[in-house]
Amino acid sequence: MLPAHLKTLARVHGEVGVQVTGNLTQRAVLDALESAYPVLLGTIRDRGTGKRRAFIRFYACEEDLSNDEPDAPLPGKVAARIAAGDEPFMVVGAMAGG
């Protein structure tokens, strides 16, 4: 799932499906997403460092995965539910301010 502004940029509606080969990691999911939608390059991760942008968060199965290592396998139950299509990997635009 993508936040509304990234859906608009990628010209998609609803959830976006991508095929991930190999280990199910944040990097693999985001690499597949950016490969399918090159317009998203640099919007979720910095193009130079590959680090998550400050106001972007990642969630799945009610778990905040934002601070997990990008190459660490997603937690077992999360990976199983995402692979089965039962749970989305959510890219969320964080809110700031008061």
N, C-alpha and C. Protein backbone atom coordinates (compact mmCIF):
# COMPACT_ATOMS: atom_id res chain seq x y z
N MET A 1 0.85 -1.17 0.00
CA MET A 1 0.00 0.00 0.00
C MET A 1 0.89 1.23 0.00
N LEU A 2 0.49 2.23 -0.75
CA LEU A 2 1.23 3.48 -0.86
C LEU A 2 0.38 4.64 -0.35
N PRO A 3 1.04 5.70 0.17
CA PRO A 3 0.28 6.89 0.53
C PRO A 3 -0.28 7.55 -0.73
N ALA A 4 -1.33 8.34 -0.54
CA ALA A 4 -2.05 8.94 -1.68
C ALA A 4 -1.14 9.70 -2.62
N HIS A 5 -0.21 10.50 -2.10
CA HIS A 5 0.63 11.31 -2.99
C HIS A 5 1.54 10.44 -3.86
N LEU A 6 1.98 9.28 -3.36
CA LEU A 6 2.81 8.40 -4.18
C LEU A 6 1.97 7.62 -5.18
N LYS A 7 0.72 7.30 -4.82
CA LYS A 7 -0.19 6.68 -5.79
C LYS A 7 -0.43 7.62 -6.95
N THR A 8 -0.63 8.90 -6.64
CA THR A 8 -0.86 9.89 -7.68
C THR A 8 0.36 9.98 -8.59
N LEU A 9 1.54 10.03 -7.99
CA LEU A 9 2.78 10.12 -8.76
C LEU A 9 2.95 8.91 -9.67
N ALA A 10 2.66 7.71 -9.14
CA ALA A 10 2.82 6.48 -9.91
C ALA A 10 1.62 6.20 -10.82
N ARG A 11 0.57 7.00 -10.69
CA ARG A 11 -0.65 6.85 -11.48
C ARG A 11 -1.29 5.48 -11.28
N VAL A 12 -1.46 5.12 -10.00
CA VAL A 12 -2.11 3.86 -9.65
C VAL A 12 -3.25 4.14 -8.68
N HIS A 13 -4.14 3.17 -8.56
CA HIS A 13 -5.26 3.26 -7.62
C HIS A 13 -5.27 1.99 -6.78
N GLY A 14 -5.63 2.10 -5.53
CA GLY A 14 -5.70 0.93 -4.66
C GLY A 14 -4.33 0.40 -4.31
N GLU A 15 -4.28 -0.88 -3.97
CA GLU A 15 -3.02 -1.51 -3.61
C GLU A 15 -2.22 -1.83 -4.86
N VAL A 16 -0.90 -1.81 -4.71
CA VAL A 16 0.02 -2.11 -5.80
C VAL A 16 0.63 -3.48 -5.53
N GLY A 17 0.62 -4.34 -6.51
CA GLY A 17 1.23 -5.66 -6.36
C GLY A 17 2.56 -5.72 -7.08
N VAL A 18 3.55 -6.33 -6.44
CA VAL A 18 4.86 -6.54 -7.06
C VAL A 18 5.31 -7.97 -6.77
N GLN A 19 6.16 -8.50 -7.64
CA GLN A 19 6.74 -9.82 -7.45
C GLN A 19 8.13 -9.66 -6.85
N VAL A 20 8.37 -10.32 -5.73
CA VAL A 20 9.67 -10.27 -5.08
C VAL A 20 10.33 -11.63 -5.22
N THR A 21 11.55 -11.63 -5.74
CA THR A 21 12.29 -12.88 -5.86
C THR A 21 13.35 -12.91 -4.77
N GLY A 22 13.66 -14.11 -4.31
CA GLY A 22 14.66 -14.25 -3.25
C GLY A 22 14.07 -13.99 -1.88
N ASN A 23 14.93 -13.58 -0.96
CA ASN A 23 14.50 -13.32 0.42
C ASN A 23 13.53 -12.15 0.47
N LEU A 24 12.54 -12.26 1.33
CA LEU A 24 11.56 -11.19 1.50
C LEU A 24 12.10 -10.21 2.54
N THR A 25 12.67 -9.11 2.05
CA THR A 25 13.24 -8.06 2.89
C THR A 25 12.63 -6.73 2.48
N GLN A 26 12.83 -5.70 3.30
CA GLN A 26 12.37 -4.37 2.91
C GLN A 26 13.02 -3.96 1.60
N ARG A 27 14.32 -4.18 1.50
CA ARG A 27 15.03 -3.78 0.28
C ARG A 27 14.46 -4.48 -0.95
N ALA A 28 14.18 -5.78 -0.83
CA ALA A 28 13.64 -6.54 -1.97
C ALA A 28 12.27 -6.00 -2.38
N VAL A 29 11.41 -5.71 -1.38
CA VAL A 29 10.08 -5.18 -1.68
C VAL A 29 10.20 -3.81 -2.37
N LEU A 30 11.04 -2.94 -1.80
CA LEU A 30 11.18 -1.59 -2.37
C LEU A 30 11.89 -1.61 -3.72
N ASP A 31 12.87 -2.50 -3.89
CA ASP A 31 13.51 -2.64 -5.20
C ASP A 31 12.49 -3.05 -6.26
N ALA A 32 11.62 -4.02 -5.91
CA ALA A 32 10.60 -4.47 -6.86
C ALA A 32 9.61 -3.35 -7.16
N LEU A 33 9.23 -2.59 -6.14
CA LEU A 33 8.30 -1.47 -6.33
C LEU A 33 8.91 -0.42 -7.25
N GLU A 34 10.16 -0.03 -6.98
CA GLU A 34 10.81 0.99 -7.80
C GLU A 34 11.12 0.50 -9.21
N SER A 35 11.32 -0.80 -9.36
CA SER A 35 11.54 -1.36 -10.69
C SER A 35 10.25 -1.30 -11.51
N ALA A 36 9.12 -1.60 -10.86
CA ALA A 36 7.83 -1.56 -11.54
C ALA A 36 7.35 -0.13 -11.78
N TYR A 37 7.73 0.79 -10.88
CA TYR A 37 7.30 2.19 -10.97
C TYR A 37 8.52 3.10 -10.80
N PRO A 38 9.34 3.24 -11.84
CA PRO A 38 10.57 4.03 -11.74
C PRO A 38 10.36 5.47 -11.30
N VAL A 39 9.16 6.01 -11.49
CA VAL A 39 8.88 7.37 -11.07
C VAL A 39 9.00 7.51 -9.55
N LEU A 40 8.93 6.40 -8.82
CA LEU A 40 9.04 6.43 -7.36
C LEU A 40 10.48 6.43 -6.85
N LEU A 41 11.44 6.26 -7.77
CA LEU A 41 12.85 6.29 -7.35
C LEU A 41 13.16 7.59 -6.62
N GLY A 42 13.71 7.46 -5.42
CA GLY A 42 14.09 8.63 -4.64
C GLY A 42 12.98 9.21 -3.78
N THR A 43 11.76 8.69 -3.89
CA THR A 43 10.66 9.23 -3.10
C THR A 43 10.52 8.54 -1.75
N ILE A 44 10.85 7.26 -1.69
CA ILE A 44 10.73 6.47 -0.47
C ILE A 44 12.08 6.34 0.21
N ARG A 45 13.11 6.18 -0.60
CA ARG A 45 14.49 6.04 -0.11
C ARG A 45 15.36 7.05 -0.84
N ASP A 46 16.38 7.50 -0.15
CA ASP A 46 17.37 8.39 -0.77
C ASP A 46 18.08 7.62 -1.87
N ARG A 47 18.20 8.21 -3.05
CA ARG A 47 18.82 7.53 -4.19
C ARG A 47 20.28 7.21 -3.96
N GLY A 48 20.98 8.08 -3.25
CA GLY A 48 22.40 7.87 -3.02
C GLY A 48 22.71 6.85 -1.94
N THR A 49 22.04 6.97 -0.81
CA THR A 49 22.35 6.11 0.33
C THR A 49 21.42 4.91 0.47
N GLY A 50 20.25 4.98 -0.12
CA GLY A 50 19.27 3.91 0.01
C GLY A 50 18.52 3.93 1.33
N LYS A 51 18.77 4.94 2.16
CA LYS A 51 18.11 5.03 3.47
C LYS A 51 16.68 5.55 3.32
N ARG A 52 15.83 5.06 4.21
CA ARG A 52 14.43 5.48 4.24
C ARG A 52 14.34 6.98 4.47
N ARG A 53 13.47 7.65 3.74
CA ARG A 53 13.24 9.08 3.94
C ARG A 53 12.64 9.31 5.32
N ALA A 54 12.92 10.47 5.90
CA ALA A 54 12.55 10.77 7.29
C ALA A 54 11.06 10.63 7.58
N PHE A 55 10.20 11.03 6.68
CA PHE A 55 8.77 11.02 6.96
C PHE A 55 8.05 9.86 6.28
N ILE A 56 8.77 8.78 6.06
CA ILE A 56 8.19 7.57 5.49
C ILE A 56 8.35 6.46 6.53
N ARG A 57 7.29 5.68 6.73
CA ARG A 57 7.31 4.57 7.68
C ARG A 57 6.83 3.31 6.96
N PHE A 58 7.26 2.15 7.46
CA PHE A 58 6.86 0.85 6.90
C PHE A 58 6.14 0.04 7.97
N TYR A 59 4.99 -0.53 7.61
CA TYR A 59 4.21 -1.35 8.53
C TYR A 59 3.70 -2.61 7.83
N ALA A 60 3.54 -3.66 8.62
CA ALA A 60 2.86 -4.88 8.17
C ALA A 60 2.47 -5.65 9.42
N CYS A 61 1.31 -6.27 9.40
CA CYS A 61 0.81 -7.07 10.53
C CYS A 61 0.84 -6.27 11.83
N GLU A 62 0.47 -5.01 11.75
CA GLU A 62 0.43 -4.12 12.91
C GLU A 62 1.80 -3.93 13.56
N GLU A 63 2.88 -4.17 12.81
CA GLU A 63 4.24 -3.97 13.32
C GLU A 63 4.90 -2.84 12.55
N ASP A 64 5.60 -1.97 13.29
CA ASP A 64 6.38 -0.91 12.68
C ASP A 64 7.72 -1.51 12.28
N LEU A 65 7.97 -1.59 10.99
CA LEU A 65 9.20 -2.18 10.47
C LEU A 65 10.19 -1.12 10.02
N SER A 66 9.88 0.14 10.30
CA SER A 66 10.65 1.27 9.77
C SER A 66 12.11 1.26 10.17
N ASN A 67 12.43 0.81 11.36
CA ASN A 67 13.81 0.86 11.83
C ASN A 67 14.54 -0.47 11.70
N ASP A 68 13.88 -1.46 11.10
CA ASP A 68 14.56 -2.73 10.84
C ASP A 68 15.61 -2.52 9.75
N GLU A 69 16.63 -3.34 9.77
CA GLU A 69 17.67 -3.28 8.73
C GLU A 69 17.06 -3.62 7.37
N PRO A 70 17.39 -2.87 6.33
CA PRO A 70 16.78 -3.11 5.01
C PRO A 70 17.02 -4.51 4.45
N ASP A 71 18.15 -5.13 4.80
CA ASP A 71 18.45 -6.46 4.26
C ASP A 71 18.11 -7.60 5.20
N ALA A 72 17.56 -7.27 6.37
CA ALA A 72 17.14 -8.32 7.30
C ALA A 72 15.85 -8.94 6.77
N PRO A 73 15.73 -10.27 6.86
CA PRO A 73 14.47 -10.88 6.44
C PRO A 73 13.31 -10.32 7.25
N LEU A 74 12.18 -10.11 6.61
CA LEU A 74 11.00 -9.66 7.35
C LEU A 74 10.64 -10.73 8.38
N PRO A 75 10.11 -10.32 9.54
CA PRO A 75 9.75 -11.31 10.56
C PRO A 75 8.89 -12.42 9.98
N GLY A 76 9.05 -13.64 10.50
CA GLY A 76 8.41 -14.84 9.95
C GLY A 76 6.94 -14.70 9.64
N LYS A 77 6.12 -14.28 10.63
CA LYS A 77 4.68 -14.20 10.38
C LYS A 77 4.36 -13.11 9.37
N VAL A 78 5.15 -12.04 9.38
CA VAL A 78 4.94 -10.94 8.43
C VAL A 78 5.25 -11.43 7.02
N ALA A 79 6.40 -12.07 6.85
CA ALA A 79 6.81 -12.56 5.54
C ALA A 79 5.80 -13.57 5.00
N ALA A 80 5.34 -14.46 5.86
CA ALA A 80 4.39 -15.49 5.42
C ALA A 80 3.07 -14.87 4.97
N ARG A 81 2.58 -13.89 5.71
CA ARG A 81 1.29 -13.26 5.36
C ARG A 81 1.41 -12.39 4.12
N ILE A 82 2.55 -11.70 3.96
CA ILE A 82 2.76 -10.88 2.76
C ILE A 82 2.89 -11.79 1.54
N ALA A 83 3.70 -12.84 1.66
CA ALA A 83 3.90 -13.77 0.54
C ALA A 83 2.59 -14.42 0.11
N ALA A 84 1.71 -14.69 1.07
CA ALA A 84 0.43 -15.31 0.76
C ALA A 84 -0.59 -14.31 0.23
N GLY A 85 -0.26 -13.03 0.29
CA GLY A 85 -1.18 -12.00 -0.17
C GLY A 85 -2.25 -11.67 0.86
N ASP A 86 -2.04 -12.11 2.10
CA ASP A 86 -3.02 -11.86 3.17
C ASP A 86 -2.79 -10.53 3.88
N GLU A 87 -1.64 -9.95 3.71
CA GLU A 87 -1.29 -8.72 4.44
C GLU A 87 -0.46 -7.82 3.52
N PRO A 88 -0.79 -6.53 3.46
CA PRO A 88 0.03 -5.63 2.64
C PRO A 88 1.27 -5.16 3.39
N PHE A 89 2.30 -4.83 2.65
CA PHE A 89 3.46 -4.11 3.17
C PHE A 89 3.09 -2.64 2.94
N MET A 90 2.93 -1.90 4.02
CA MET A 90 2.43 -0.54 3.90
C MET A 90 3.56 0.48 3.95
N VAL A 91 3.59 1.37 2.98
CA VAL A 91 4.47 2.52 2.98
C VAL A 91 3.58 3.69 3.40
N VAL A 92 3.90 4.30 4.53
CA VAL A 92 3.04 5.32 5.12
C VAL A 92 3.78 6.64 5.21
N GLY A 93 3.14 7.71 4.78
CA GLY A 93 3.69 9.05 4.97
C GLY A 93 3.38 9.50 6.38
N ALA A 94 4.42 9.69 7.20
CA ALA A 94 4.24 10.08 8.59
C ALA A 94 3.77 11.54 8.69
N MET A 95 3.03 11.84 9.72
CA MET A 95 2.54 13.18 9.97
C MET A 95 3.48 13.87 10.97
N ALA A 96 3.68 15.13 10.80
CA ALA A 96 4.50 15.90 11.73
C ALA A 96 3.80 17.22 12.03
N GLY A 97 4.16 17.80 13.14
CA GLY A 97 3.58 19.10 13.46
C GLY A 97 2.70 19.03 14.69
N GLY A 98 2.06 20.13 15.00
CA GLY A 98 1.28 20.13 16.22
C GLY A 98 -0.04 20.70 16.08
